[in-house]
Every structure is written in structure tokens, then in C-alpha cells.
Amino acid sequence: MRTFFGLTNSYIESVYEEMFNLKMHGNWSFMEAYNLPIKIRRWFLNRLVKYFEDKSERERRDSKRTL
């Protein structure tokens, strides 16, 4: 459903998902994450994704070495 201002429920849900991820994995408060400009918020989210992908790759390589 589209509201008067054009924000759909799926868009609002995606914003809350971003807030959750920054709070859960980045230790941000909800208000800190909410008040970030969108471009900066997305940069931090993309950086978190890269961090966890790199960490997963390192753990995968390390587990192969120990076998």
C-alpha cells in the first residue's frame, strides 16, 4: 500500500531491516542509524557485508588447513 508521501510498506520494512542490521552487528543505536544520511548508512551496511564475507572466507580457508 502506498501512503500519501509515496513510501511503500516494503520500503519502510527495508529501512527497518537496515536499522536492525546496524544495531545488531554494528552496535549502533536506533536513532544513530536512523539519522544517518542514506548514502552513509548504505556504505556502512555494504562494509558490514564485506566484513562478514571476508571473515567467512578466512574461516573456510583456516578450516581446510586444519584438516
Protein backbone atom coordinates (compact mmCIF):
# COMPACT_ATOMS: atom_id res chain seq x y z
CA MET A 1 0.00 0.00 0.00
CA ARG A 2 1.35 3.43 -0.95
CA THR A 3 0.99 6.24 1.56
CA PHE A 4 0.37 9.87 0.76
CA PHE A 5 4.13 10.55 0.76
CA GLY A 6 4.89 7.63 -1.54
CA LEU A 7 6.59 5.31 0.95
CA THR A 8 5.51 1.73 0.45
CA ASN A 9 5.33 -0.83 3.22
CA SER A 10 8.17 -2.79 1.60
CA TYR A 11 10.39 0.32 1.56
CA ILE A 12 9.68 1.05 5.21
CA GLU A 13 10.39 -2.59 6.06
CA SER A 14 13.72 -2.43 4.22
CA VAL A 15 14.68 0.69 6.21
CA TYR A 16 13.86 -1.09 9.46
CA GLU A 17 15.89 -4.09 8.28
CA GLU A 18 18.84 -1.76 7.76
CA MET A 19 18.35 -0.32 11.26
CA PHE A 20 18.25 -3.82 12.72
CA ASN A 21 21.47 -4.86 10.99
CA LEU A 22 23.36 -1.75 12.04
CA LYS A 23 22.11 -2.17 15.61
CA MET A 24 22.75 -5.91 15.77
CA HIS A 25 26.11 -6.10 14.02
CA GLY A 26 27.45 -2.56 14.19
CA ASN A 27 26.43 -1.70 17.75
CA TRP A 28 24.67 1.49 16.60
CA SER A 29 21.69 2.88 18.45
CA PHE A 30 18.44 3.03 16.51
CA MET A 31 18.49 6.83 16.46
CA GLU A 32 22.12 6.98 15.31
CA ALA A 33 21.38 4.68 12.40
CA TYR A 34 18.08 6.38 11.58
CA ASN A 35 19.64 9.84 11.47
CA LEU A 36 22.46 8.86 9.12
CA PRO A 37 22.17 10.15 5.57
CA ILE A 38 21.06 7.30 3.30
CA LYS A 39 24.35 7.14 1.34
CA ILE A 40 26.42 6.86 4.50
CA ARG A 41 24.04 4.30 6.03
CA ARG A 42 24.27 2.17 2.89
CA TRP A 43 28.08 2.47 2.90
CA PHE A 44 28.22 1.09 6.43
CA LEU A 45 25.82 -1.72 5.53
CA ASN A 46 27.86 -2.66 2.45
CA ARG A 47 31.02 -2.55 4.56
CA LEU A 48 29.44 -4.87 7.12
CA VAL A 49 28.55 -7.32 4.33
CA LYS A 50 32.14 -7.21 3.05
CA TYR A 51 33.48 -7.76 6.56
CA PHE A 52 31.34 -10.84 7.14
CA GLU A 53 32.10 -12.25 3.68
CA ASP A 54 35.85 -11.81 4.27
CA LYS A 55 35.55 -13.35 7.73
CA SER A 56 33.65 -16.33 6.35
CA GLU A 57 36.26 -16.83 3.62
CA ARG A 58 39.11 -16.72 6.17
CA GLU A 59 37.33 -19.23 8.39
CA ARG A 60 36.72 -21.51 5.41
CA ARG A 61 40.42 -21.37 4.42
CA ASP A 62 41.55 -21.92 8.02
CA SER A 63 39.28 -24.94 8.41
CA LYS A 64 40.75 -26.51 5.26
CA ARG A 65 44.27 -26.04 6.63
CA THR A 66 43.47 -27.80 9.89
CA LEU A 67 42.06 -30.87 8.15
